[in-house]
Amino acid sequence: MEFHAPAAPDEKRLRLGRLARLRRTMKTFDVPALVLHDPHNLRYATGARNMIPFLLRNPARYVFVPQEGPVVLFEFEGCEHLEKDNPAIDEIRISKTVSYVARGPLLADTAKAWAQDIAELMRLHCPGEHRVGLERIDAGAVACLEDLGFEILDAQQAVERARAIKTPEEIICSKRSIACVMTGEWKLREAIRPGISENELWSVLHKHVIANDADYIETRLLTSGERTNPWFQESGTRILQAGDLIAHDTDVVGPHGYYADFSRSFLCGDGVPSPAQKTLYRLAYEQIHHNMALIKPGRSFREITEAAWVIPKAYYARRYYLLMHGTGLTGEYPYIVQDADYDSRTNYDGVIEPNMILSVESYIGHEDGGEGVKLEEQVLVTETGIELMSCFPFEAEFLAAEV
């Protein structure tokens, strides 16, 4: 089965639109400038993509974004040519990697040089301002910047709040990514058979999405039989048996870098689900549909938490830790939790807004063990409610009434 995607977005409009939104949010939170190392945030600000999994563990590429003025990309050495025509980037320099792996005993000197670069840009483009937002950088580099007289702000608030509301081009990107991943999920479903391993089955989706310009899959959340309960085990060498439940979460950073995050559970073989399997599936199905119906612009996170589907006691211990979460370039703000888990000291409130994209979660597994079912939908918040984005079919045999 092929799931059709909209036409590709205007790439220039996508990049400049995100940058403009980020700068508006920086003004809202009074952040004069940001230095972004997380490759997903860097991509959000500029559209620049390069070796994302590598750069998740190596601080070897970063970008300086002031509220106004030139955006400066510090590129991994040898890669300067990759973004020379990027309309969201005004200048490209060679990065200084502040890590022991890269610099060894020279780390302290590199941290000082890194801080001096940022201080120079602040003097040029934010004159008189001594506050700068940082993320994910060596503690020594932060100390060096503080020694130069700068106050360090947290970059995450401005970036996450910007990313939470999607531009029209981002919505196109997300729909294209979901269409790609749903086609891959259908191929995975068709490949289910007794005798195949979990890893081999997981690789079917991986092959499809990589062949269709996805970046990578963030997890390997595909399990079978009693390995489906509790959740958060990843795929392994177990061989599927007829009658097994297979539970799967896509977690794909797909085409254009946008996350396609939905979950389905399937049956292995040509048999029919057992009554116990049907019960698990129906409960998960009821939970996500009840909770999706609560999503409306203007409704608070806390209101959704209080009105959410109540998990039966026997399944609560192994619940999914969230009701729903934001989805964009990856999983992102907001996190909305179960009511019984809510604590105002550790959980925040907020408001649902149009053009948020949310993934609505359910995991149902009995506290005494057995199998478990994972279901999840991805939705776009509209002016009046939601638009379902992950229109992958549910398993009719699990939902069929007993005869």
Protein backbone atom coordinates (compact mmCIF):
# COMPACT_ATOMS: atom_id res chain seq x y z
CA MET A 1 0.00 0.00 0.00
CA GLU A 2 1.29 3.45 -0.95
CA PHE A 3 0.45 6.53 1.11
CA HIS A 4 0.59 9.65 -1.02
CA ALA A 5 2.45 12.76 0.07
CA PRO A 6 1.87 16.43 -0.83
CA ALA A 7 4.29 18.17 -3.17
CA ALA A 8 7.60 19.25 -1.69
CA PRO A 9 7.69 22.62 0.10
CA ASP A 10 9.54 25.71 -1.05
CA GLU A 11 12.92 25.10 0.57
CA LYS A 12 13.91 28.76 0.84
CA ARG A 13 10.58 29.67 2.42
CA LEU A 14 10.92 26.72 4.83
CA ARG A 15 14.35 27.84 6.02
CA LEU A 16 13.67 31.54 6.28
CA GLY A 17 10.27 30.97 7.86
CA ARG A 18 11.72 28.88 10.68
CA LEU A 19 14.53 31.36 11.26
CA ALA A 20 12.05 34.24 11.46
CA ARG A 21 9.90 32.31 13.94
CA LEU A 22 12.92 31.49 16.09
CA ARG A 23 13.93 35.15 16.18
CA ARG A 24 10.43 36.22 17.20
CA THR A 25 10.51 33.71 20.03
CA MET A 26 13.96 34.91 21.10
CA LYS A 27 12.48 38.40 21.42
CA THR A 28 9.54 37.05 23.42
CA PHE A 29 11.90 35.45 25.94
CA ASP A 30 14.46 38.27 25.77
CA VAL A 31 17.38 36.19 24.49
CA PRO A 32 19.76 38.45 22.51
CA ALA A 33 21.62 35.60 20.79
CA LEU A 34 21.85 31.82 20.71
CA VAL A 35 24.68 29.37 20.14
CA LEU A 36 23.16 26.06 19.06
CA HIS A 37 25.06 22.76 19.02
CA ASP A 38 22.20 20.25 18.87
CA PRO A 39 22.11 19.30 15.17
CA HIS A 40 18.30 19.26 15.13
CA ASN A 41 18.11 22.78 16.55
CA LEU A 42 20.82 23.90 14.16
CA ARG A 43 18.79 22.46 11.31
CA TYR A 44 15.66 24.21 12.59
CA ALA A 45 17.41 27.58 12.67
CA THR A 46 19.14 27.30 9.30
CA GLY A 47 18.09 24.19 7.39
CA ALA A 48 21.72 23.04 7.46
CA ARG A 49 22.06 19.26 7.77
CA ASN A 50 25.28 17.32 8.19
CA MET A 51 26.12 13.96 9.84
CA ILE A 52 23.43 14.30 12.50
CA PRO A 53 24.07 11.08 14.52
CA PHE A 54 27.81 11.85 14.59
CA LEU A 55 27.19 15.40 15.75
CA LEU A 56 24.81 14.28 18.50
CA ARG A 57 27.92 13.08 20.36
CA ASN A 58 30.56 15.45 18.97
CA PRO A 59 30.21 19.22 19.55
CA ALA A 60 31.92 19.86 16.25
CA ARG A 61 29.36 22.07 14.51
CA TYR A 62 27.38 25.03 15.86
CA VAL A 63 25.63 28.19 14.82
CA PHE A 64 25.45 31.73 16.19
CA VAL A 65 21.98 33.26 15.81
CA PRO A 66 21.42 36.87 16.98
CA GLN A 67 17.98 38.44 17.19
CA GLU A 68 19.10 40.66 14.33
CA GLY A 69 22.17 40.51 12.13
CA PRO A 70 24.14 37.79 10.39
CA VAL A 71 23.78 34.09 11.18
CA VAL A 72 27.22 32.48 11.46
CA LEU A 73 27.65 28.74 10.96
CA PHE A 74 30.75 27.16 12.48
CA GLU A 75 31.10 24.15 10.20
CA PHE A 76 32.97 20.88 10.71
CA GLU A 77 36.31 21.24 8.97
CA GLY A 78 36.22 20.10 5.36
CA CYS A 79 32.46 20.63 5.08
CA GLU A 80 32.42 24.39 4.43
CA HIS A 81 31.14 23.91 0.89
CA LEU A 82 27.93 22.17 1.95
CA GLU A 83 25.98 25.31 2.92
CA LYS A 84 27.58 27.98 0.75
CA ASP A 85 24.27 28.79 -0.97
CA ASN A 86 22.05 28.53 2.12
CA PRO A 87 19.82 31.66 2.31
CA ALA A 88 19.54 31.38 6.11
CA ILE A 89 23.33 31.54 6.68
CA ASP A 90 25.37 34.70 6.21
CA GLU A 91 28.87 33.51 7.11
CA ILE A 92 30.65 30.16 7.45
CA ARG A 93 33.68 29.61 9.68
CA ILE A 94 35.58 26.51 10.77
CA SER A 95 34.38 25.16 14.11
CA LYS A 96 36.42 24.58 17.23
CA THR A 97 35.53 21.22 18.75
CA VAL A 98 35.55 21.58 22.52
CA SER A 99 35.90 17.94 23.55
CA TYR A 100 38.67 15.84 25.06
CA VAL A 101 38.46 13.33 22.21
CA ALA A 102 39.27 16.06 19.70
CA ARG A 103 41.71 18.16 21.75
CA GLY A 104 43.08 16.00 24.57
CA PRO A 105 45.36 18.06 26.85
CA LEU A 106 44.72 21.12 24.65
CA LEU A 107 41.05 21.19 25.66
CA ALA A 108 41.34 24.20 27.97
CA ASP A 109 43.04 26.30 25.29
CA THR A 110 40.39 25.29 22.75
CA ALA A 111 37.62 26.27 25.16
CA LYS A 112 39.19 29.72 25.56
CA ALA A 113 39.45 30.15 21.78
CA TRP A 114 35.83 29.03 21.36
CA ALA A 115 34.67 31.57 23.93
CA GLN A 116 36.67 34.33 22.29
CA ASP A 117 34.96 33.60 18.95
CA ILE A 118 31.51 33.91 20.54
CA ALA A 119 32.53 37.05 22.44
CA GLU A 120 33.73 38.63 19.19
CA LEU A 121 30.40 37.92 17.49
CA MET A 122 28.49 39.32 20.45
CA ARG A 123 30.53 42.54 20.34
CA LEU A 124 29.95 42.88 16.60
CA HIS A 125 26.27 41.97 16.35
CA CYS A 126 24.87 42.49 19.87
CA PRO A 127 26.89 45.51 21.05
CA GLY A 128 26.53 46.27 24.74
CA GLU A 129 24.75 42.98 25.40
CA HIS A 130 26.30 40.42 27.75
CA ARG A 131 23.63 37.67 27.73
CA VAL A 132 23.79 34.69 25.40
CA GLY A 133 21.82 31.44 25.24
CA LEU A 134 23.78 28.17 25.16
CA GLU A 135 23.04 24.45 24.95
CA ARG A 136 25.06 21.22 25.06
CA ILE A 137 28.60 22.54 25.38
CA ASP A 138 31.61 21.62 27.51
CA ALA A 139 31.45 23.11 31.01
CA GLY A 140 34.92 24.58 30.56
CA ALA A 141 33.77 26.53 27.50
CA VAL A 142 30.86 27.97 29.49
CA ALA A 143 33.25 29.01 32.26
CA CYS A 144 35.50 30.72 29.72
CA LEU A 145 32.59 32.71 28.31
CA GLU A 146 31.56 33.71 31.84
CA ASP A 147 35.15 34.81 32.51
CA LEU A 148 34.78 37.16 29.55
CA GLY A 149 31.84 38.82 31.29
CA PHE A 150 28.88 37.01 29.74
CA GLU A 151 25.75 35.82 31.48
CA ILE A 152 24.67 32.39 30.25
CA LEU A 153 21.00 31.84 29.40
CA ASP A 154 19.32 28.53 28.62
CA ALA A 155 18.76 28.29 24.87
CA GLN A 156 16.20 25.49 25.13
CA GLN A 157 13.18 27.55 26.15
CA ALA A 158 13.28 29.85 23.12
CA VAL A 159 14.09 27.05 20.67
CA GLU A 160 11.53 24.57 21.95
CA ARG A 161 8.75 27.14 22.06
CA ALA A 162 9.59 28.22 18.51
CA ARG A 163 9.62 24.65 17.25
CA ALA A 164 6.29 23.84 18.91
CA ILE A 165 4.25 25.91 16.43
CA LYS A 166 4.77 24.78 12.86
CA THR A 167 5.02 27.01 9.80
CA PRO A 168 2.95 26.02 6.74
CA GLU A 169 6.07 24.59 5.07
CA GLU A 170 6.86 22.52 8.16
CA ILE A 171 3.38 20.98 8.06
CA ILE A 172 4.03 19.93 4.46
CA CYS A 173 7.35 18.39 5.52
CA SER A 174 5.70 16.50 8.35
CA LYS A 175 2.98 15.12 6.07
CA ARG A 176 5.58 13.99 3.54
CA SER A 177 7.58 12.26 6.24
CA ILE A 178 4.52 10.49 7.63
CA ALA A 179 3.45 9.31 4.17
CA CYS A 180 6.91 7.82 3.61
CA VAL A 181 6.93 6.07 6.98
CA MET A 182 3.37 4.75 6.66
CA THR A 183 4.34 3.09 3.38
CA GLY A 184 7.37 1.60 5.12
CA GLU A 185 5.19 0.44 8.02
CA TRP A 186 2.90 -1.31 5.57
CA LYS A 187 5.91 -3.14 4.11
CA LEU A 188 6.92 -4.11 7.64
CA ARG A 189 3.41 -5.41 8.33
CA GLU A 190 3.47 -7.46 5.12
CA ALA A 191 6.85 -8.97 6.10
CA ILE A 192 5.55 -10.39 9.42
CA ARG A 193 5.74 -14.19 9.39
CA PRO A 194 6.73 -17.00 11.75
CA GLY A 195 10.47 -17.60 11.56
CA ILE A 196 11.63 -14.03 10.99
CA SER A 197 13.61 -12.33 13.75
CA GLU A 198 12.65 -9.04 15.38
CA ASN A 199 15.80 -7.44 14.01
CA GLU A 200 15.11 -8.60 10.47
CA LEU A 201 11.56 -7.31 10.65
CA TRP A 202 12.70 -3.94 12.04
CA SER A 203 15.17 -3.65 9.15
CA VAL A 204 12.31 -3.68 6.62
CA LEU A 205 11.17 -0.24 7.77
CA HIS A 206 14.76 0.97 8.06
CA LYS A 207 15.53 -0.02 4.47
CA HIS A 208 12.45 1.72 3.10
CA VAL A 209 12.83 5.01 4.90
CA ILE A 210 16.56 5.33 4.24
CA ALA A 211 15.96 4.60 0.55
CA ASN A 212 13.40 7.41 0.55
CA ASP A 213 15.65 10.12 2.06
CA ALA A 214 14.95 9.74 5.77
CA ASP A 215 17.77 10.57 8.18
CA TYR A 216 17.65 7.73 10.68
CA ILE A 217 15.44 5.80 13.12
CA GLU A 218 15.81 7.06 16.66
CA THR A 219 14.95 3.78 18.44
CA ARG A 220 14.52 0.06 17.71
CA LEU A 221 11.19 -0.29 19.51
CA LEU A 222 9.88 -3.48 17.91
CA THR A 223 9.26 -6.52 20.07
CA SER A 224 7.25 -9.72 19.94
CA GLY A 225 5.46 -12.15 22.27
CA GLU A 226 6.14 -11.62 25.94
CA ARG A 227 8.98 -9.22 25.08
CA THR A 228 6.20 -6.71 24.35
CA ASN A 229 5.59 -6.37 28.13
CA PRO A 230 6.97 -4.27 29.71
CA TRP A 231 7.50 -1.67 26.99
CA PHE A 232 10.80 -0.01 25.99
CA GLN A 233 12.62 -3.21 25.14
CA GLU A 234 14.24 -2.91 21.72
CA SER A 235 14.37 -5.38 18.84
CA GLY A 236 16.58 -8.41 19.28
CA THR A 237 17.28 -11.86 17.93
CA ARG A 238 14.02 -13.45 19.08
CA ILE A 239 12.28 -15.43 16.32
CA LEU A 240 8.59 -14.64 15.77
CA GLN A 241 6.12 -17.43 16.44
CA ALA A 242 2.61 -17.85 15.05
CA GLY A 243 0.13 -16.12 17.34
CA ASP A 244 2.64 -13.62 18.74
CA LEU A 245 1.77 -9.99 19.24
CA ILE A 246 4.23 -7.61 17.59
CA ALA A 247 4.35 -4.09 19.04
CA HIS A 248 6.16 -1.30 17.19
CA ASP A 249 6.88 2.43 17.47
CA THR A 250 8.18 4.08 14.28
CA ASP A 251 10.35 6.88 15.77
CA VAL A 252 11.66 7.83 12.31
CA VAL A 253 13.49 11.09 11.64
CA GLY A 254 12.16 11.09 8.12
CA PRO A 255 12.38 13.10 4.89
CA HIS A 256 13.18 16.79 5.45
CA GLY A 257 14.27 15.77 8.97
CA TYR A 258 10.70 15.61 10.33
CA TYR A 259 9.66 13.02 12.87
CA ALA A 260 7.07 10.42 11.95
CA ASP A 261 6.03 9.01 15.31
CA PHE A 262 3.12 6.59 15.48
CA SER A 263 2.73 3.05 16.81
CA ARG A 264 0.91 -0.09 15.79
CA SER A 265 0.60 -3.66 17.05
CA PHE A 266 0.10 -6.69 14.82
CA LEU A 267 -0.49 -10.43 14.99
CA CYS A 268 2.02 -12.92 13.59
CA GLY A 269 0.58 -15.61 11.33
CA ASP A 270 -2.81 -16.40 9.85
CA GLY A 271 -4.66 -17.14 13.08
CA VAL A 272 -7.03 -14.90 15.00
CA PRO A 273 -6.18 -12.85 18.08
CA SER A 274 -6.88 -14.43 21.44
CA PRO A 275 -9.46 -12.87 23.76
CA ALA A 276 -6.60 -11.55 25.93
CA GLN A 277 -4.91 -9.93 22.93
CA LYS A 278 -8.18 -8.36 21.86
CA THR A 279 -8.69 -6.90 25.33
CA LEU A 280 -5.24 -5.28 25.30
CA TYR A 281 -5.78 -3.86 21.83
CA ARG A 282 -9.27 -2.52 22.54
CA LEU A 283 -8.13 -0.77 25.70
CA ALA A 284 -5.23 0.91 23.89
CA TYR A 285 -7.53 1.89 21.02
CA GLU A 286 -10.06 3.37 23.45
CA GLN A 287 -7.36 5.31 25.29
CA ILE A 288 -5.85 7.09 22.29
CA HIS A 289 -9.22 7.94 20.76
CA HIS A 290 -10.58 9.29 24.03
CA ASN A 291 -7.47 11.42 24.52
CA MET A 292 -7.31 12.67 20.93
CA ALA A 293 -10.86 13.98 21.34
CA LEU A 294 -9.65 16.20 24.19
CA ILE A 295 -7.23 18.17 22.00
CA LYS A 296 -8.55 21.62 21.11
CA PRO A 297 -6.81 24.97 20.72
CA GLY A 298 -7.06 27.02 23.90
CA ARG A 299 -7.31 23.97 26.17
CA SER A 300 -4.62 23.76 28.83
CA PHE A 301 -2.31 20.80 29.28
CA ARG A 302 -3.68 20.40 32.80
CA GLU A 303 -7.27 20.25 31.53
CA ILE A 304 -6.30 17.43 29.18
CA THR A 305 -4.52 15.60 31.98
CA GLU A 306 -7.57 15.84 34.25
CA ALA A 307 -10.00 14.65 31.55
CA ALA A 308 -7.81 11.89 30.14
CA TRP A 309 -8.86 8.25 29.85
CA VAL A 310 -8.43 6.45 33.17
CA ILE A 311 -6.12 3.46 32.88
CA PRO A 312 -7.54 0.34 34.60
CA LYS A 313 -5.66 -0.45 37.79
CA ALA A 314 -4.14 -3.72 36.57
CA TYR A 315 -2.45 -1.91 33.67
CA TYR A 316 -1.39 1.28 35.42
CA ALA A 317 2.00 0.10 36.70
CA ARG A 318 3.18 -0.49 33.13
CA ARG A 319 1.55 2.56 31.56
CA TYR A 320 3.23 4.79 29.02
CA TYR A 321 4.79 7.72 30.84
CA LEU A 322 3.07 10.39 28.69
CA LEU A 323 -0.42 11.01 27.36
CA MET A 324 1.02 12.92 24.41
CA HIS A 325 4.02 14.96 23.31
CA GLY A 326 5.02 17.48 20.68
CA THR A 327 6.44 16.22 17.41
CA GLY A 328 8.50 18.13 14.85
CA LEU A 329 12.10 17.60 13.81
CA THR A 330 12.13 15.11 16.71
CA GLY A 331 10.00 14.57 19.79
CA GLU A 332 9.68 17.97 21.46
CA TYR A 333 7.69 20.35 23.70
CA PRO A 334 5.15 19.86 25.18
CA TYR A 335 5.04 16.77 27.38
CA ILE A 336 1.54 16.10 28.78
CA VAL A 337 1.42 13.48 31.53
CA GLN A 338 -1.08 11.15 33.18
CA ASP A 339 -3.23 12.76 35.89
CA ALA A 340 -2.04 10.49 38.69
CA ASP A 341 1.56 11.32 37.72
CA TYR A 342 1.02 15.08 37.72
CA ASP A 343 3.04 17.07 40.25
CA SER A 344 3.16 20.85 39.90
CA ARG A 345 6.75 20.81 41.14
CA THR A 346 7.93 18.69 38.21
CA ASN A 347 5.21 18.99 35.53
CA TYR A 348 4.36 22.20 33.72
CA ASP A 349 1.15 23.58 32.32
CA GLY A 350 0.60 25.36 29.02
CA VAL A 351 -1.95 25.83 26.27
CA ILE A 352 -2.68 23.89 23.09
CA GLU A 353 -2.22 26.14 20.05
CA PRO A 354 -3.07 25.76 16.36
CA ASN A 355 -0.27 24.28 14.24
CA MET A 356 1.14 22.20 17.05
CA ILE A 357 1.77 18.60 16.04
CA LEU A 358 1.23 16.02 18.77
CA SER A 359 1.75 12.29 19.12
CA VAL A 360 -0.90 10.67 21.32
CA GLU A 361 0.38 7.58 23.15
CA SER A 362 -1.02 4.37 24.58
CA TYR A 363 0.67 1.30 25.98
CA ILE A 364 -1.42 -1.40 27.65
CA GLY A 365 0.34 -4.27 29.42
CA HIS A 366 -0.82 -6.14 32.53
CA GLU A 367 1.28 -5.74 35.66
CA ASP A 368 1.44 -9.54 35.99
CA GLY A 369 3.12 -9.91 32.59
CA GLY A 370 2.02 -11.50 29.34
CA GLU A 371 1.92 -9.46 26.16
CA GLY A 372 1.38 -5.74 25.62
CA VAL A 373 -0.07 -3.47 22.93
CA LYS A 374 1.41 -0.16 21.76
CA LEU A 375 -0.73 2.25 19.73
CA GLU A 376 -0.06 5.89 18.91
CA GLU A 377 -1.40 8.54 16.54
CA GLN A 378 0.14 11.74 15.20
CA VAL A 379 -2.19 14.73 14.82
CA LEU A 380 -2.09 18.34 13.67
CA VAL A 381 -3.90 20.89 15.84
CA THR A 382 -6.21 23.02 13.69
CA GLU A 383 -8.22 26.15 14.53
CA THR A 384 -11.12 23.99 15.73
CA GLY A 385 -9.71 20.60 16.71
CA ILE A 386 -7.33 18.13 15.11
CA GLU A 387 -6.45 16.63 11.74
CA LEU A 388 -5.30 13.01 11.83
CA MET A 389 -1.91 12.71 10.13
CA SER A 390 -1.03 9.04 10.73
CA CYS A 391 -3.93 7.41 8.90
CA PHE A 392 -2.40 3.92 9.00
CA PRO A 393 -5.21 1.39 9.51
CA PHE A 394 -5.87 -0.40 12.76
CA GLU A 395 -6.19 -4.19 12.90
CA ALA A 396 -9.86 -5.01 12.34
CA GLU A 397 -9.56 -8.53 13.77
CA PHE A 398 -8.46 -7.15 17.14
CA LEU A 399 -11.48 -4.85 17.25
CA ALA A 400 -14.05 -7.35 15.97
CA ALA A 401 -16.72 -8.41 18.46
CA GLU A 402 -16.69 -12.00 19.72
CA VAL A 403 -19.15 -14.20 17.85
